N, C-alpha and C. Protein backbone atom coordinates (compact mmCIF):
# COMPACT_ATOMS: atom_id res chain seq x y z
N MET A 1 -63.94 -63.01 -5.86
CA MET A 1 -63.30 -61.56 -6.31
C MET A 1 -62.00 -62.18 -7.07
N SER A 2 -61.86 -61.22 -8.27
CA SER A 2 -60.77 -61.38 -9.31
C SER A 2 -60.01 -60.58 -9.42
N ARG A 3 -58.67 -61.00 -9.67
CA ARG A 3 -57.47 -60.17 -9.76
C ARG A 3 -57.35 -59.49 -11.06
N TYR A 4 -57.77 -58.37 -11.55
CA TYR A 4 -56.99 -57.64 -13.07
C TYR A 4 -56.23 -56.58 -13.01
N GLY A 5 -55.71 -56.27 -13.74
CA GLY A 5 -55.09 -54.78 -14.30
C GLY A 5 -55.62 -54.52 -15.39
N VAL A 6 -55.41 -53.00 -15.01
CA VAL A 6 -55.85 -51.76 -16.15
C VAL A 6 -54.70 -51.16 -16.45
N VAL A 7 -54.71 -51.79 -17.99
CA VAL A 7 -53.74 -50.42 -18.60
C VAL A 7 -54.54 -49.11 -18.92
N LEU A 8 -54.25 -48.11 -18.55
CA LEU A 8 -54.67 -46.53 -18.96
C LEU A 8 -54.17 -46.09 -20.10
N PHE A 9 -54.36 -45.27 -21.24
CA PHE A 9 -53.79 -44.91 -22.17
C PHE A 9 -54.01 -43.66 -22.56
N PRO A 10 -53.42 -42.47 -23.21
CA PRO A 10 -53.82 -41.57 -23.50
C PRO A 10 -54.35 -41.20 -24.48
N SER A 11 -54.83 -42.00 -25.12
CA SER A 11 -55.96 -41.85 -26.22
C SER A 11 -56.41 -43.07 -26.91
N THR A 12 -57.85 -43.19 -27.13
CA THR A 12 -58.55 -44.26 -27.57
C THR A 12 -57.65 -44.80 -28.96
N SER A 13 -56.85 -43.99 -29.89
CA SER A 13 -55.94 -44.74 -30.70
C SER A 13 -55.26 -46.08 -30.29
N LEU A 14 -54.39 -45.13 -29.31
CA LEU A 14 -53.30 -46.31 -28.49
C LEU A 14 -54.28 -47.65 -27.57
N VAL A 15 -55.40 -46.97 -27.21
CA VAL A 15 -56.18 -48.36 -26.72
C VAL A 15 -56.63 -49.59 -27.95
N LEU A 16 -56.61 -49.09 -28.93
CA LEU A 16 -57.17 -49.91 -29.69
C LEU A 16 -55.63 -50.28 -30.86
N ARG A 17 -55.00 -49.85 -30.51
CA ARG A 17 -53.23 -50.19 -31.41
C ARG A 17 -53.16 -51.59 -30.19
N ALA A 18 -53.47 -51.11 -28.79
CA ALA A 18 -52.85 -51.97 -28.08
C ALA A 18 -53.80 -53.49 -27.90
N GLU A 19 -54.50 -53.07 -28.25
CA GLU A 19 -55.64 -54.72 -28.14
C GLU A 19 -55.35 -54.96 -28.75
N LYS A 20 -55.40 -54.48 -30.05
CA LYS A 20 -54.77 -55.50 -31.65
C LYS A 20 -53.61 -56.57 -31.15
N LEU A 21 -52.77 -55.38 -30.66
CA LEU A 21 -51.53 -56.23 -30.80
C LEU A 21 -51.41 -57.18 -29.86
N LEU A 22 -51.83 -56.81 -28.53
CA LEU A 22 -51.83 -58.16 -27.83
C LEU A 22 -52.67 -59.04 -27.76
N ILE A 23 -53.96 -59.20 -28.22
CA ILE A 23 -54.53 -60.28 -28.61
C ILE A 23 -53.99 -61.23 -29.84
N GLY A 24 -53.43 -60.38 -30.87
CA GLY A 24 -52.65 -61.26 -31.59
C GLY A 24 -51.15 -62.06 -31.35
N LYS A 25 -50.67 -61.78 -29.63
CA LYS A 25 -49.67 -62.08 -29.35
C LYS A 25 -50.70 -63.38 -28.21
N GLY A 26 -51.84 -63.55 -28.41
CA GLY A 26 -52.55 -64.59 -27.63
C GLY A 26 -52.75 -64.00 -26.47
N VAL A 27 -52.58 -62.36 -25.98
CA VAL A 27 -53.24 -62.15 -24.28
C VAL A 27 -53.94 -61.94 -24.44
N ALA A 28 -55.07 -62.31 -23.32
CA ALA A 28 -56.36 -62.11 -23.28
C ALA A 28 -56.41 -60.61 -22.34
N VAL A 29 -57.55 -59.54 -23.50
CA VAL A 29 -57.60 -58.58 -23.06
C VAL A 29 -58.93 -58.27 -23.23
N ARG A 30 -59.41 -57.39 -22.53
CA ARG A 30 -60.92 -56.59 -22.98
C ARG A 30 -60.84 -54.92 -23.02
N LEU A 31 -61.57 -54.48 -23.76
CA LEU A 31 -61.91 -52.83 -23.64
C LEU A 31 -62.65 -52.63 -22.67
N VAL A 32 -62.49 -51.69 -21.84
CA VAL A 32 -63.64 -51.42 -20.80
C VAL A 32 -63.23 -50.06 -19.99
N PRO A 33 -64.86 -49.54 -19.88
CA PRO A 33 -64.37 -48.12 -19.21
C PRO A 33 -63.77 -47.63 -18.18
N THR A 34 -62.60 -46.88 -18.21
CA THR A 34 -61.81 -46.41 -17.27
C THR A 34 -62.44 -46.45 -16.43
N PRO A 35 -61.71 -47.36 -15.05
CA PRO A 35 -62.88 -47.10 -13.52
C PRO A 35 -62.76 -46.03 -13.04
N ARG A 36 -63.96 -45.39 -12.69
CA ARG A 36 -63.88 -43.99 -11.84
C ARG A 36 -62.95 -43.31 -10.62
N GLU A 37 -62.24 -44.71 -9.98
CA GLU A 37 -61.39 -44.43 -8.86
C GLU A 37 -60.14 -43.96 -9.71
N LEU A 38 -59.88 -44.29 -10.93
CA LEU A 38 -58.43 -43.97 -11.88
C LEU A 38 -58.88 -43.04 -12.88
N SER A 39 -57.82 -42.07 -12.71
CA SER A 39 -57.92 -40.76 -14.11
C SER A 39 -57.22 -41.41 -14.94
N SER A 40 -57.65 -40.93 -15.90
CA SER A 40 -57.16 -40.90 -17.82
C SER A 40 -57.75 -39.91 -18.35
N ASP A 41 -56.76 -39.54 -19.17
CA ASP A 41 -57.35 -38.97 -20.23
C ASP A 41 -58.33 -39.33 -21.47
N CYS A 42 -58.13 -40.69 -21.46
CA CYS A 42 -59.00 -41.12 -22.21
C CYS A 42 -60.24 -42.33 -21.43
N GLY A 43 -61.08 -42.26 -21.93
CA GLY A 43 -61.91 -43.13 -21.11
C GLY A 43 -62.01 -44.51 -21.51
N VAL A 44 -61.26 -45.32 -21.99
CA VAL A 44 -61.16 -46.83 -22.30
C VAL A 44 -59.70 -47.11 -21.96
N SER A 45 -60.16 -48.39 -21.12
CA SER A 45 -58.93 -48.99 -20.54
C SER A 45 -58.55 -50.09 -21.53
N LEU A 46 -57.75 -50.99 -21.05
CA LEU A 46 -57.53 -52.68 -21.11
C LEU A 46 -57.61 -53.33 -20.10
N ARG A 47 -58.19 -54.10 -19.75
CA ARG A 47 -58.22 -54.73 -18.57
C ARG A 47 -57.46 -56.37 -19.39
N PHE A 48 -56.69 -56.70 -18.18
CA PHE A 48 -56.23 -58.44 -18.47
C PHE A 48 -56.07 -58.79 -17.14
N ASP A 49 -55.51 -60.08 -17.17
CA ASP A 49 -55.37 -60.80 -15.86
C ASP A 49 -53.83 -60.41 -15.21
N TRP A 50 -54.25 -60.02 -13.80
CA TRP A 50 -53.06 -59.63 -13.10
C TRP A 50 -51.60 -60.71 -13.06
N ALA A 51 -52.02 -61.63 -13.70
CA ALA A 51 -50.55 -62.56 -13.91
C ALA A 51 -49.63 -62.28 -15.08
N ASP A 52 -50.46 -61.56 -16.10
CA ASP A 52 -49.82 -61.27 -17.28
C ASP A 52 -49.12 -59.84 -17.55
N ARG A 53 -49.15 -59.10 -16.35
CA ARG A 53 -48.78 -57.93 -15.83
C ARG A 53 -47.37 -57.54 -16.56
N GLY A 54 -46.15 -58.64 -16.38
CA GLY A 54 -44.89 -58.54 -16.75
C GLY A 54 -45.12 -58.36 -18.63
N VAL A 55 -46.01 -59.36 -19.08
CA VAL A 55 -45.53 -59.68 -20.47
C VAL A 55 -46.48 -58.59 -21.25
N VAL A 56 -47.90 -57.95 -20.63
CA VAL A 56 -48.21 -56.95 -21.24
C VAL A 56 -47.62 -55.64 -21.18
N GLU A 57 -46.75 -55.02 -19.86
CA GLU A 57 -46.01 -53.97 -20.29
C GLU A 57 -44.74 -54.40 -21.66
N ALA A 58 -44.21 -55.48 -21.08
CA ALA A 58 -43.11 -55.75 -21.99
C ALA A 58 -43.54 -55.46 -23.45
N MET A 59 -44.59 -55.99 -23.72
CA MET A 59 -45.04 -56.11 -25.49
C MET A 59 -45.22 -54.76 -25.70
N LEU A 60 -46.20 -53.76 -24.89
CA LEU A 60 -46.49 -52.47 -25.20
C LEU A 60 -44.98 -51.76 -25.27
N ARG A 61 -43.92 -52.13 -24.56
CA ARG A 61 -42.60 -51.18 -24.48
C ARG A 61 -42.40 -51.51 -26.06
N GLU A 62 -42.07 -52.83 -26.12
CA GLU A 62 -41.44 -53.58 -27.28
C GLU A 62 -41.96 -52.76 -28.71
N ALA A 63 -43.37 -52.75 -28.46
CA ALA A 63 -44.23 -52.39 -29.76
C ALA A 63 -44.12 -50.69 -29.84
N GLY A 64 -43.45 -50.14 -28.90
CA GLY A 64 -43.31 -48.58 -28.96
C GLY A 64 -45.08 -47.84 -28.21
N ILE A 65 -45.87 -48.55 -27.81
CA ILE A 65 -47.07 -48.11 -27.47
C ILE A 65 -47.16 -47.65 -26.48
N GLU A 66 -47.50 -46.02 -26.47
CA GLU A 66 -47.47 -45.39 -25.02
C GLU A 66 -48.68 -45.55 -24.61
N PHE A 67 -48.44 -45.63 -22.82
CA PHE A 67 -49.70 -46.01 -21.88
C PHE A 67 -49.09 -45.16 -20.63
N ASP A 68 -50.02 -44.78 -19.88
CA ASP A 68 -50.14 -43.77 -18.83
C ASP A 68 -49.34 -44.33 -17.59
N ALA A 69 -50.36 -45.76 -17.27
CA ALA A 69 -50.14 -46.44 -16.34
C ALA A 69 -50.78 -47.77 -16.29
N VAL A 70 -50.39 -48.33 -15.30
CA VAL A 70 -50.56 -50.15 -14.99
C VAL A 70 -51.40 -50.01 -13.82
N HIS A 71 -52.35 -50.43 -13.31
CA HIS A 71 -52.73 -50.74 -12.28
C HIS A 71 -53.31 -51.96 -11.68
N PRO A 72 -53.33 -52.45 -10.58
CA PRO A 72 -53.86 -53.58 -10.01
C PRO A 72 -55.64 -53.28 -10.18
N PHE A 73 -56.77 -53.83 -10.35
CA PHE A 73 -57.82 -53.95 -9.91
C PHE A 73 -58.85 -54.95 -9.86
N ASP A 74 -59.68 -54.69 -8.76
CA ASP A 74 -60.16 -55.91 -8.46
C ASP A 74 -61.79 -56.19 -8.89
N SER A 75 -62.50 -56.51 -9.40
CA SER A 75 -63.39 -56.83 -9.99
C SER A 75 -64.17 -57.98 -9.73
N ALA A 76 -65.90 -57.62 -9.16
CA ALA A 76 -66.46 -58.86 -8.83
C ALA A 76 -66.35 -59.84 -10.04
């Protein structure tokens, strides 16, 4: 089992902005459907390696990209 993080966003446009920013900075992220057990206004989330949590949150805040929450998420 791998340990990932999932960032939830209020809109698809914010997810896409965040993806572009993080990939451009060398952070491995992947667009994924928002897990059913987590609620979000947007059905798309960004998945990342949980070890990168601090970097991901700091980059999003610094860029002024709004996000709802960051959750740990186990995936097989």
